[in-house]
Amino acid sequence: STYELFNRLADSNLKTRWLPTRNSF
């Protein structure tokens, strides 16, 4: 799901500049 993908990215070491906001994901 969108939520699972976002949470996996947020929990990873992905630099925050590459992670969009939850609402724009």
mmCIF file of all heavy atoms, coordinates in Angstrom:
data_MODEL
# 
_entry.id   MODEL 
# 
loop_
_atom_site.group_PDB 
_atom_site.id 
_atom_site.type_symbol 
_atom_site.label_atom_id 
_atom_site.label_alt_id 
_atom_site.label_comp_id 
_atom_site.label_asym_id 
_atom_site.label_entity_id 
_atom_site.label_seq_id 
_atom_site.pdbx_PDB_ins_code 
_atom_site.Cartn_x 
_atom_site.Cartn_y 
_atom_site.Cartn_z 
_atom_site.occupancy 
_atom_site.B_iso_or_equiv 
_atom_site.pdbx_formal_charge 
_atom_site.auth_seq_id 
_atom_site.auth_comp_id 
_atom_site.auth_asym_id 
_atom_site.auth_atom_id 
_atom_site.pdbx_PDB_model_num 
ATOM 1   N N   . SER A 1 1  ? 0.837  -1.192 0.000  1.00 0.00 ? 1  SER A N   1 
ATOM 2   C CA  . SER A 1 1  ? 0.000  0.000  0.000  1.00 0.00 ? 1  SER A CA  1 
ATOM 3   C C   . SER A 1 1  ? 0.877  1.249  0.000  1.00 0.00 ? 1  SER A C   1 
ATOM 4   O O   . SER A 1 1  ? 2.073  1.193  0.297  1.00 0.00 ? 1  SER A O   1 
ATOM 5   C CB  . SER A 1 1  ? -0.919 0.021  1.224  1.00 0.00 ? 1  SER A CB  1 
ATOM 6   O OG  . SER A 1 1  ? -0.174 0.326  2.394  1.00 0.00 ? 1  SER A OG  1 
ATOM 7   N N   . THR A 1 2  ? 0.278  2.377  -0.313 1.00 0.00 ? 2  THR A N   1 
ATOM 8   C CA  . THR A 1 2  ? 0.983  3.649  -0.283 1.00 0.00 ? 2  THR A CA  1 
ATOM 9   C C   . THR A 1 2  ? 1.584  3.879  1.105  1.00 0.00 ? 2  THR A C   1 
ATOM 10  O O   . THR A 1 2  ? 2.725  4.316  1.235  1.00 0.00 ? 2  THR A O   1 
ATOM 11  C CB  . THR A 1 2  ? 0.016  4.802  -0.635 1.00 0.00 ? 2  THR A CB  1 
ATOM 12  O OG1 . THR A 1 2  ? -0.615 4.506  -1.882 1.00 0.00 ? 2  THR A OG1 1 
ATOM 13  C CG2 . THR A 1 2  ? 0.741  6.132  -0.732 1.00 0.00 ? 2  THR A CG2 1 
ATOM 14  N N   . TYR A 1 3  ? 0.818  3.575  2.146  1.00 0.00 ? 3  TYR A N   1 
ATOM 15  C CA  . TYR A 1 3  ? 1.282  3.765  3.519  1.00 0.00 ? 3  TYR A CA  1 
ATOM 16  C C   . TYR A 1 3  ? 2.485  2.876  3.825  1.00 0.00 ? 3  TYR A C   1 
ATOM 17  O O   . TYR A 1 3  ? 3.452  3.311  4.443  1.00 0.00 ? 3  TYR A O   1 
ATOM 18  C CB  . TYR A 1 3  ? 0.164  3.472  4.522  1.00 0.00 ? 3  TYR A CB  1 
ATOM 19  C CG  . TYR A 1 3  ? -0.985 4.427  4.400  1.00 0.00 ? 3  TYR A CG  1 
ATOM 20  C CD1 . TYR A 1 3  ? -2.152 4.050  3.756  1.00 0.00 ? 3  TYR A CD1 1 
ATOM 21  C CD2 . TYR A 1 3  ? -0.898 5.715  4.910  1.00 0.00 ? 3  TYR A CD2 1 
ATOM 22  C CE1 . TYR A 1 3  ? -3.205 4.940  3.621  1.00 0.00 ? 3  TYR A CE1 1 
ATOM 23  C CE2 . TYR A 1 3  ? -1.948 6.609  4.788  1.00 0.00 ? 3  TYR A CE2 1 
ATOM 24  C CZ  . TYR A 1 3  ? -3.100 6.210  4.135  1.00 0.00 ? 3  TYR A CZ  1 
ATOM 25  O OH  . TYR A 1 3  ? -4.132 7.090  4.002  1.00 0.00 ? 3  TYR A OH  1 
ATOM 26  N N   . GLU A 1 4  ? 2.417  1.595  3.390  1.00 0.00 ? 4  GLU A N   1 
ATOM 27  C CA  . GLU A 1 4  ? 3.540  0.682  3.641  1.00 0.00 ? 4  GLU A CA  1 
ATOM 28  C C   . GLU A 1 4  ? 4.801  1.153  2.927  1.00 0.00 ? 4  GLU A C   1 
ATOM 29  O O   . GLU A 1 4  ? 5.892  1.131  3.503  1.00 0.00 ? 4  GLU A O   1 
ATOM 30  C CB  . GLU A 1 4  ? 3.183  -0.730 3.186  1.00 0.00 ? 4  GLU A CB  1 
ATOM 31  C CG  . GLU A 1 4  ? 2.135  -1.403 4.038  1.00 0.00 ? 4  GLU A CG  1 
ATOM 32  C CD  . GLU A 1 4  ? 1.629  -2.694 3.435  1.00 0.00 ? 4  GLU A CD  1 
ATOM 33  O OE1 . GLU A 1 4  ? 1.324  -2.731 2.227  1.00 0.00 ? 4  GLU A OE1 1 
ATOM 34  O OE2 . GLU A 1 4  ? 1.568  -3.683 4.196  1.00 0.00 ? 4  GLU A OE2 1 
ATOM 35  N N   . LEU A 1 5  ? 4.650  1.583  1.669  1.00 0.00 ? 5  LEU A N   1 
ATOM 36  C CA  . LEU A 1 5  ? 5.805  2.079  0.927  1.00 0.00 ? 5  LEU A CA  1 
ATOM 37  C C   . LEU A 1 5  ? 6.405  3.313  1.606  1.00 0.00 ? 5  LEU A C   1 
ATOM 38  O O   . LEU A 1 5  ? 7.615  3.400  1.798  1.00 0.00 ? 5  LEU A O   1 
ATOM 39  C CB  . LEU A 1 5  ? 5.418  2.421  -0.511 1.00 0.00 ? 5  LEU A CB  1 
ATOM 40  C CG  . LEU A 1 5  ? 5.320  1.253  -1.473 1.00 0.00 ? 5  LEU A CG  1 
ATOM 41  C CD1 . LEU A 1 5  ? 4.651  1.694  -2.773 1.00 0.00 ? 5  LEU A CD1 1 
ATOM 42  C CD2 . LEU A 1 5  ? 6.687  0.674  -1.759 1.00 0.00 ? 5  LEU A CD2 1 
ATOM 43  N N   . PHE A 1 6  ? 5.554  4.262  1.944  1.00 0.00 ? 6  PHE A N   1 
ATOM 44  C CA  . PHE A 1 6  ? 6.043  5.490  2.582  1.00 0.00 ? 6  PHE A CA  1 
ATOM 45  C C   . PHE A 1 6  ? 6.761  5.169  3.892  1.00 0.00 ? 6  PHE A C   1 
ATOM 46  O O   . PHE A 1 6  ? 7.846  5.686  4.156  1.00 0.00 ? 6  PHE A O   1 
ATOM 47  C CB  . PHE A 1 6  ? 4.902  6.476  2.826  1.00 0.00 ? 6  PHE A CB  1 
ATOM 48  C CG  . PHE A 1 6  ? 5.392  7.781  3.387  1.00 0.00 ? 6  PHE A CG  1 
ATOM 49  C CD1 . PHE A 1 6  ? 5.813  8.792  2.541  1.00 0.00 ? 6  PHE A CD1 1 
ATOM 50  C CD2 . PHE A 1 6  ? 5.453  7.990  4.755  1.00 0.00 ? 6  PHE A CD2 1 
ATOM 51  C CE1 . PHE A 1 6  ? 6.295  9.996  3.052  1.00 0.00 ? 6  PHE A CE1 1 
ATOM 52  C CE2 . PHE A 1 6  ? 5.932  9.182  5.271  1.00 0.00 ? 6  PHE A CE2 1 
ATOM 53  C CZ  . PHE A 1 6  ? 6.350  10.189 4.412  1.00 0.00 ? 6  PHE A CZ  1 
ATOM 54  N N   . ASN A 1 7  ? 6.157  4.313  4.709  1.00 0.00 ? 7  ASN A N   1 
ATOM 55  C CA  . ASN A 1 7  ? 6.759  3.988  6.007  1.00 0.00 ? 7  ASN A CA  1 
ATOM 56  C C   . ASN A 1 7  ? 8.093  3.268  5.847  1.00 0.00 ? 7  ASN A C   1 
ATOM 57  O O   . ASN A 1 7  ? 9.033  3.505  6.605  1.00 0.00 ? 7  ASN A O   1 
ATOM 58  C CB  . ASN A 1 7  ? 5.797  3.170  6.862  1.00 0.00 ? 7  ASN A CB  1 
ATOM 59  C CG  . ASN A 1 7  ? 4.654  4.005  7.375  1.00 0.00 ? 7  ASN A CG  1 
ATOM 60  O OD1 . ASN A 1 7  ? 4.744  5.229  7.446  1.00 0.00 ? 7  ASN A OD1 1 
ATOM 61  N ND2 . ASN A 1 7  ? 3.557  3.356  7.706  1.00 0.00 ? 7  ASN A ND2 1 
ATOM 62  N N   . ARG A 1 8  ? 8.200  2.388  4.846  1.00 0.00 ? 8  ARG A N   1 
ATOM 63  C CA  . ARG A 1 8  ? 9.483  1.709  4.606  1.00 0.00 ? 8  ARG A CA  1 
ATOM 64  C C   . ARG A 1 8  ? 10.555 2.708  4.190  1.00 0.00 ? 8  ARG A C   1 
ATOM 65  O O   . ARG A 1 8  ? 11.705 2.593  4.593  1.00 0.00 ? 8  ARG A O   1 
ATOM 66  C CB  . ARG A 1 8  ? 9.323  0.609  3.563  1.00 0.00 ? 8  ARG A CB  1 
ATOM 67  C CG  . ARG A 1 8  ? 8.587  -0.592 4.113  1.00 0.00 ? 8  ARG A CG  1 
ATOM 68  C CD  . ARG A 1 8  ? 8.361  -1.639 3.066  1.00 0.00 ? 8  ARG A CD  1 
ATOM 69  N NE  . ARG A 1 8  ? 7.461  -2.647 3.589  1.00 0.00 ? 8  ARG A NE  1 
ATOM 70  C CZ  . ARG A 1 8  ? 7.661  -3.938 3.455  1.00 0.00 ? 8  ARG A CZ  1 
ATOM 71  N NH1 . ARG A 1 8  ? 8.718  -4.382 2.814  1.00 0.00 ? 8  ARG A NH1 1 
ATOM 72  N NH2 . ARG A 1 8  ? 6.806  -4.793 3.950  1.00 0.00 ? 8  ARG A NH2 1 
ATOM 73  N N   . LEU A 1 9  ? 10.161 3.671  3.361  1.00 0.00 ? 9  LEU A N   1 
ATOM 74  C CA  . LEU A 1 9  ? 11.123 4.697  2.949  1.00 0.00 ? 9  LEU A CA  1 
ATOM 75  C C   . LEU A 1 9  ? 11.508 5.589  4.119  1.00 0.00 ? 9  LEU A C   1 
ATOM 76  O O   . LEU A 1 9  ? 12.673 5.935  4.292  1.00 0.00 ? 9  LEU A O   1 
ATOM 77  C CB  . LEU A 1 9  ? 10.546 5.537  1.814  1.00 0.00 ? 9  LEU A CB  1 
ATOM 78  C CG  . LEU A 1 9  ? 10.389 4.813  0.479  1.00 0.00 ? 9  LEU A CG  1 
ATOM 79  C CD1 . LEU A 1 9  ? 9.629  5.685  -0.497 1.00 0.00 ? 9  LEU A CD1 1 
ATOM 80  C CD2 . LEU A 1 9  ? 11.741 4.423  -0.090 1.00 0.00 ? 9  LEU A CD2 1 
ATOM 81  N N   . ALA A 1 10 ? 10.534 5.953  4.941  1.00 0.00 ? 10 ALA A N   1 
ATOM 82  C CA  . ALA A 1 10 ? 10.806 6.815  6.092  1.00 0.00 ? 10 ALA A CA  1 
ATOM 83  C C   . ALA A 1 10 ? 11.698 6.104  7.111  1.00 0.00 ? 10 ALA A C   1 
ATOM 84  O O   . ALA A 1 10 ? 12.526 6.740  7.760  1.00 0.00 ? 10 ALA A O   1 
ATOM 85  C CB  . ALA A 1 10 ? 9.502  7.247  6.747  1.00 0.00 ? 10 ALA A CB  1 
ATOM 86  N N   . ASP A 1 11 ? 11.552 4.777  7.226  1.00 0.00 ? 11 ASP A N   1 
ATOM 87  C CA  . ASP A 1 11 ? 12.347 4.002  8.179  1.00 0.00 ? 11 ASP A CA  1 
ATOM 88  C C   . ASP A 1 11 ? 13.733 3.659  7.635  1.00 0.00 ? 11 ASP A C   1 
ATOM 89  O O   . ASP A 1 11 ? 14.598 3.221  8.384  1.00 0.00 ? 11 ASP A O   1 
ATOM 90  C CB  . ASP A 1 11 ? 11.632 2.708  8.556  1.00 0.00 ? 11 ASP A CB  1 
ATOM 91  C CG  . ASP A 1 11 ? 10.404 2.952  9.409  1.00 0.00 ? 11 ASP A CG  1 
ATOM 92  O OD1 . ASP A 1 11 ? 10.284 4.060  9.971  1.00 0.00 ? 11 ASP A OD1 1 
ATOM 93  O OD2 . ASP A 1 11 ? 9.568  2.034  9.501  1.00 0.00 ? 11 ASP A OD2 1 
ATOM 94  N N   . SER A 1 12 ? 13.922 3.830  6.325  1.00 0.00 ? 12 SER A N   1 
ATOM 95  C CA  . SER A 1 12 ? 15.210 3.481  5.720  1.00 0.00 ? 12 SER A CA  1 
ATOM 96  C C   . SER A 1 12 ? 16.189 4.633  5.903  1.00 0.00 ? 12 SER A C   1 
ATOM 97  O O   . SER A 1 12 ? 15.884 5.659  6.508  1.00 0.00 ? 12 SER A O   1 
ATOM 98  C CB  . SER A 1 12 ? 15.024 3.190  4.233  1.00 0.00 ? 12 SER A CB  1 
ATOM 99  O OG  . SER A 1 12 ? 14.810 4.397  3.515  1.00 0.00 ? 12 SER A OG  1 
ATOM 100 N N   . ASN A 1 13 ? 17.347 4.486  5.324  1.00 0.00 ? 13 ASN A N   1 
ATOM 101 C CA  . ASN A 1 13 ? 18.343 5.552  5.417  1.00 0.00 ? 13 ASN A CA  1 
ATOM 102 C C   . ASN A 1 13 ? 18.242 6.514  4.232  1.00 0.00 ? 13 ASN A C   1 
ATOM 103 O O   . ASN A 1 13 ? 19.194 7.200  3.912  1.00 0.00 ? 13 ASN A O   1 
ATOM 104 C CB  . ASN A 1 13 ? 19.754 4.957  5.510  1.00 0.00 ? 13 ASN A CB  1 
ATOM 105 C CG  . ASN A 1 13 ? 20.093 4.121  4.292  1.00 0.00 ? 13 ASN A CG  1 
ATOM 106 O OD1 . ASN A 1 13 ? 19.280 3.939  3.392  1.00 0.00 ? 13 ASN A OD1 1 
ATOM 107 N ND2 . ASN A 1 13 ? 21.306 3.589  4.265  1.00 0.00 ? 13 ASN A ND2 1 
ATOM 108 N N   . LEU A 1 14 ? 17.084 6.560  3.592  1.00 0.00 ? 14 LEU A N   1 
ATOM 109 C CA  . LEU A 1 14 ? 16.865 7.456  2.456  1.00 0.00 ? 14 LEU A CA  1 
ATOM 110 C C   . LEU A 1 14 ? 16.985 8.907  2.925  1.00 0.00 ? 14 LEU A C   1 
ATOM 111 O O   . LEU A 1 14 ? 16.376 9.293  3.914  1.00 0.00 ? 14 LEU A O   1 
ATOM 112 C CB  . LEU A 1 14 ? 15.468 7.223  1.868  1.00 0.00 ? 14 LEU A CB  1 
ATOM 113 C CG  . LEU A 1 14 ? 15.086 8.050  0.652  1.00 0.00 ? 14 LEU A CG  1 
ATOM 114 C CD1 . LEU A 1 14 ? 15.946 7.648  -0.553 1.00 0.00 ? 14 LEU A CD1 1 
ATOM 115 C CD2 . LEU A 1 14 ? 13.625 7.856  0.318  1.00 0.00 ? 14 LEU A CD2 1 
ATOM 116 N N   . LYS A 1 15 ? 17.769 9.662  2.232  1.00 0.00 ? 15 LYS A N   1 
ATOM 117 C CA  . LYS A 1 15 ? 17.937 11.067 2.607  1.00 0.00 ? 15 LYS A CA  1 
ATOM 118 C C   . LYS A 1 15 ? 16.592 11.784 2.488  1.00 0.00 ? 15 LYS A C   1 
ATOM 119 O O   . LYS A 1 15 ? 15.858 11.584 1.537  1.00 0.00 ? 15 LYS A O   1 
ATOM 120 C CB  . LYS A 1 15 ? 18.975 11.734 1.711  1.00 0.00 ? 15 LYS A CB  1 
ATOM 121 C CG  . LYS A 1 15 ? 20.367 11.191 1.917  1.00 0.00 ? 15 LYS A CG  1 
ATOM 122 C CD  . LYS A 1 15 ? 21.343 12.007 1.131  1.00 0.00 ? 15 LYS A CD  1 
ATOM 123 C CE  . LYS A 1 15 ? 22.723 11.470 1.072  1.00 0.00 ? 15 LYS A CE  1 
ATOM 124 N NZ  . LYS A 1 15 ? 23.419 11.038 2.150  1.00 0.00 ? 15 LYS A NZ  1 
ATOM 125 N N   . THR A 1 16 ? 16.273 12.595 3.442  1.00 0.00 ? 16 THR A N   1 
ATOM 126 C CA  . THR A 1 16 ? 14.959 13.229 3.486  1.00 0.00 ? 16 THR A CA  1 
ATOM 127 C C   . THR A 1 16 ? 14.684 14.106 2.264  1.00 0.00 ? 16 THR A C   1 
ATOM 128 O O   . THR A 1 16 ? 13.535 14.301 1.910  1.00 0.00 ? 16 THR A O   1 
ATOM 129 C CB  . THR A 1 16 ? 14.790 14.069 4.758  1.00 0.00 ? 16 THR A CB  1 
ATOM 130 O OG1 . THR A 1 16 ? 15.854 15.007 4.838  1.00 0.00 ? 16 THR A OG1 1 
ATOM 131 C CG2 . THR A 1 16 ? 14.776 13.197 5.990  1.00 0.00 ? 16 THR A CG2 1 
ATOM 132 N N   . ARG A 1 17 ? 15.694 14.604 1.602  1.00 0.00 ? 17 ARG A N   1 
ATOM 133 C CA  . ARG A 1 17 ? 15.424 15.446 0.426  1.00 0.00 ? 17 ARG A CA  1 
ATOM 134 C C   . ARG A 1 17 ? 14.819 14.635 -0.722 1.00 0.00 ? 17 ARG A C   1 
ATOM 135 O O   . ARG A 1 17 ? 14.249 15.194 -1.638 1.00 0.00 ? 17 ARG A O   1 
ATOM 136 C CB  . ARG A 1 17 ? 16.677 16.178 -0.024 1.00 0.00 ? 17 ARG A CB  1 
ATOM 137 C CG  . ARG A 1 17 ? 17.738 15.271 -0.603 1.00 0.00 ? 17 ARG A CG  1 
ATOM 138 C CD  . ARG A 1 17 ? 18.949 16.061 -1.006 1.00 0.00 ? 17 ARG A CD  1 
ATOM 139 N NE  . ARG A 1 17 ? 19.969 15.140 -1.466 1.00 0.00 ? 17 ARG A NE  1 
ATOM 140 C CZ  . ARG A 1 17 ? 20.929 15.475 -2.269 1.00 0.00 ? 17 ARG A CZ  1 
ATOM 141 N NH1 . ARG A 1 17 ? 21.040 16.701 -2.683 1.00 0.00 ? 17 ARG A NH1 1 
ATOM 142 N NH2 . ARG A 1 17 ? 21.811 14.586 -2.636 1.00 0.00 ? 17 ARG A NH2 1 
ATOM 143 N N   . TRP A 1 18 ? 14.985 13.319 -0.709 1.00 0.00 ? 18 TRP A N   1 
ATOM 144 C CA  . TRP A 1 18 ? 14.420 12.488 -1.762 1.00 0.00 ? 18 TRP A CA  1 
ATOM 145 C C   . TRP A 1 18 ? 13.046 11.931 -1.381 1.00 0.00 ? 18 TRP A C   1 
ATOM 146 O O   . TRP A 1 18 ? 12.374 11.328 -2.194 1.00 0.00 ? 18 TRP A O   1 
ATOM 147 C CB  . TRP A 1 18 ? 15.342 11.331 -2.101 1.00 0.00 ? 18 TRP A CB  1 
ATOM 148 C CG  . TRP A 1 18 ? 16.638 11.775 -2.686 1.00 0.00 ? 18 TRP A CG  1 
ATOM 149 C CD1 . TRP A 1 18 ? 16.818 12.795 -3.591 1.00 0.00 ? 18 TRP A CD1 1 
ATOM 150 C CD2 . TRP A 1 18 ? 17.920 11.261 -2.421 1.00 0.00 ? 18 TRP A CD2 1 
ATOM 151 N NE1 . TRP A 1 18 ? 18.146 12.928 -3.901 1.00 0.00 ? 18 TRP A NE1 1 
ATOM 152 C CE2 . TRP A 1 18 ? 18.859 11.989 -3.193 1.00 0.00 ? 18 TRP A CE2 1 
ATOM 153 C CE3 . TRP A 1 18 ? 18.402 10.247 -1.598 1.00 0.00 ? 18 TRP A CE3 1 
ATOM 154 C CZ2 . TRP A 1 18 ? 20.210 11.734 -3.172 1.00 0.00 ? 18 TRP A CZ2 1 
ATOM 155 C CZ3 . TRP A 1 18 ? 19.754 9.995  -1.582 1.00 0.00 ? 18 TRP A CZ3 1 
ATOM 156 C CH2 . TRP A 1 18 ? 20.640 10.736 -2.364 1.00 0.00 ? 18 TRP A CH2 1 
ATOM 157 N N   . LEU A 1 19 ? 12.654 12.098 -0.149 1.00 0.00 ? 19 LEU A N   1 
ATOM 158 C CA  . LEU A 1 19 ? 11.381 11.561 0.314  1.00 0.00 ? 19 LEU A CA  1 
ATOM 159 C C   . LEU A 1 19 ? 10.313 12.652 0.262  1.00 0.00 ? 19 LEU A C   1 
ATOM 160 O O   . LEU A 1 19 ? 10.408 13.645 0.971  1.00 0.00 ? 19 LEU A O   1 
ATOM 161 C CB  . LEU A 1 19 ? 11.525 11.030 1.750  1.00 0.00 ? 19 LEU A CB  1 
ATOM 162 C CG  . LEU A 1 19 ? 10.315 10.329 2.344  1.00 0.00 ? 19 LEU A CG  1 
ATOM 163 C CD1 . LEU A 1 19 ? 9.934  9.103  1.519  1.00 0.00 ? 19 LEU A CD1 1 
ATOM 164 C CD2 . LEU A 1 19 ? 10.597 9.924  3.774  1.00 0.00 ? 19 LEU A CD2 1 
ATOM 165 N N   . PRO A 1 20 ? 9.304  12.475 -0.598 1.00 0.00 ? 20 PRO A N   1 
ATOM 166 C CA  . PRO A 1 20 ? 8.245  13.483 -0.651 1.00 0.00 ? 20 PRO A CA  1 
ATOM 167 C C   . PRO A 1 20 ? 7.392  13.439 0.621  1.00 0.00 ? 20 PRO A C   1 
ATOM 168 O O   . PRO A 1 20 ? 7.488  12.504 1.405  1.00 0.00 ? 20 PRO A O   1 
ATOM 169 C CB  . PRO A 1 20 ? 7.424  13.062 -1.876 1.00 0.00 ? 20 PRO A CB  1 
ATOM 170 C CG  . PRO A 1 20 ? 7.703  11.619 -2.065 1.00 0.00 ? 20 PRO A CG  1 
ATOM 171 C CD  . PRO A 1 20 ? 9.079  11.362 -1.516 1.00 0.00 ? 20 PRO A CD  1 
ATOM 172 N N   . THR A 1 21 ? 6.564  14.436 0.798  1.00 0.00 ? 21 THR A N   1 
ATOM 173 C CA  . THR A 1 21 ? 5.663  14.432 1.954  1.00 0.00 ? 21 THR A CA  1 
ATOM 174 C C   . THR A 1 21 ? 4.663  13.306 1.806  1.00 0.00 ? 21 THR A C   1 
ATOM 175 O O   . THR A 1 21 ? 4.402  12.815 0.706  1.00 0.00 ? 21 THR A O   1 
ATOM 176 C CB  . THR A 1 21 ? 4.903  15.765 2.065  1.00 0.00 ? 21 THR A CB  1 
ATOM 177 O OG1 . THR A 1 21 ? 4.074  15.910 0.913  1.00 0.00 ? 21 THR A OG1 1 
ATOM 178 C CG2 . THR A 1 21 ? 5.860  16.942 2.197  1.00 0.00 ? 21 THR A CG2 1 
ATOM 179 N N   . ARG A 1 22 ? 4.085  12.893 2.909  1.00 0.00 ? 22 ARG A N   1 
ATOM 180 C CA  . ARG A 1 22 ? 3.109  11.799 2.877  1.00 0.00 ? 22 ARG A CA  1 
ATOM 181 C C   . ARG A 1 22 ? 1.936  12.137 1.944  1.00 0.00 ? 22 ARG A C   1 
ATOM 182 O O   . ARG A 1 22 ? 1.465  11.292 1.207  1.00 0.00 ? 22 ARG A O   1 
ATOM 183 C CB  . ARG A 1 22 ? 2.593  11.499 4.285  1.00 0.00 ? 22 ARG A CB  1 
ATOM 184 C CG  . ARG A 1 22 ? 1.647  10.320 4.330  1.00 0.00 ? 22 ARG A CG  1 
ATOM 185 C CD  . ARG A 1 22 ? 1.159  10.029 5.728  1.00 0.00 ? 22 ARG A CD  1 
ATOM 186 N NE  . ARG A 1 22 ? 2.192  9.626  6.650  1.00 0.00 ? 22 ARG A NE  1 
ATOM 187 C CZ  . ARG A 1 22 ? 2.623  8.375  6.803  1.00 0.00 ? 22 ARG A CZ  1 
ATOM 188 N NH1 . ARG A 1 22 ? 2.121  7.423  6.084  1.00 0.00 ? 22 ARG A NH1 1 
ATOM 189 N NH2 . ARG A 1 22 ? 3.556  8.097  7.698  1.00 0.00 ? 22 ARG A NH2 1 
ATOM 190 N N   . ASN A 1 23 ? 1.487  13.390 1.957  1.00 0.00 ? 23 ASN A N   1 
ATOM 191 C CA  . ASN A 1 23 ? 0.346  13.787 1.132  1.00 0.00 ? 23 ASN A CA  1 
ATOM 192 C C   . ASN A 1 23 ? 0.656  13.808 -0.358 1.00 0.00 ? 23 ASN A C   1 
ATOM 193 O O   . ASN A 1 23 ? -0.245 13.693 -1.177 1.00 0.00 ? 23 ASN A O   1 
ATOM 194 C CB  . ASN A 1 23 ? -0.178 15.148 1.564  1.00 0.00 ? 23 ASN A CB  1 
ATOM 195 C CG  . ASN A 1 23 ? -0.827 15.096 2.923  1.00 0.00 ? 23 ASN A CG  1 
ATOM 196 O OD1 . ASN A 1 23 ? -1.239 14.046 3.391  1.00 0.00 ? 23 ASN A OD1 1 
ATOM 197 N ND2 . ASN A 1 23 ? -0.894 16.234 3.579  1.00 0.00 ? 23 ASN A ND2 1 
ATOM 198 N N   . SER A 1 24 ? 1.914  13.983 -0.731 1.00 0.00 ? 24 SER A N   1 
ATOM 199 C CA  . SER A 1 24 ? 2.254  14.023 -2.158 1.00 0.00 ? 24 SER A CA  1 
ATOM 200 C C   . SER A 1 24 ? 2.822  12.703 -2.659 1.00 0.00 ? 24 SER A C   1 
ATOM 201 O O   . SER A 1 24 ? 3.165  12.583 -3.835 1.00 0.00 ? 24 SER A O   1 
ATOM 202 C CB  . SER A 1 24 ? 3.271  15.141 -2.425 1.00 0.00 ? 24 SER A CB  1 
ATOM 203 O OG  . SER A 1 24 ? 4.523  14.831 -1.843 1.00 0.00 ? 24 SER A OG  1 
ATOM 204 N N   . PHE A 1 25 ? 2.890  11.692 -1.811 1.00 0.00 ? 25 PHE A N   1 
ATOM 205 C CA  . PHE A 1 25 ? 3.534  10.435 -2.191 1.00 0.00 ? 25 PHE A CA  1 
ATOM 206 C C   . PHE A 1 25 ? 2.741  9.657  -3.244 1.00 0.00 ? 25 PHE A C   1 
ATOM 207 O O   . PHE A 1 25 ? 3.324  9.129  -4.191 1.00 0.00 ? 25 PHE A O   1 
ATOM 208 C CB  . PHE A 1 25 ? 3.776  9.580  -0.943 1.00 0.00 ? 25 PHE A CB  1 
ATOM 209 C CG  . PHE A 1 25 ? 4.683  8.419  -1.190 1.00 0.00 ? 25 PHE A CG  1 
ATOM 210 C CD1 . PHE A 1 25 ? 5.950  8.615  -1.699 1.00 0.00 ? 25 PHE A CD1 1 
ATOM 211 C CD2 . PHE A 1 25 ? 4.285  7.128  -0.917 1.00 0.00 ? 25 PHE A CD2 1 
ATOM 212 C CE1 . PHE A 1 25 ? 6.810  7.548  -1.925 1.00 0.00 ? 25 PHE A CE1 1 
ATOM 213 C CE2 . PHE A 1 25 ? 5.125  6.056  -1.138 1.00 0.00 ? 25 PHE A CE2 1 
ATOM 214 C CZ  . PHE A 1 25 ? 6.385  6.268  -1.642 1.00 0.00 ? 25 PHE A CZ  1 
# 
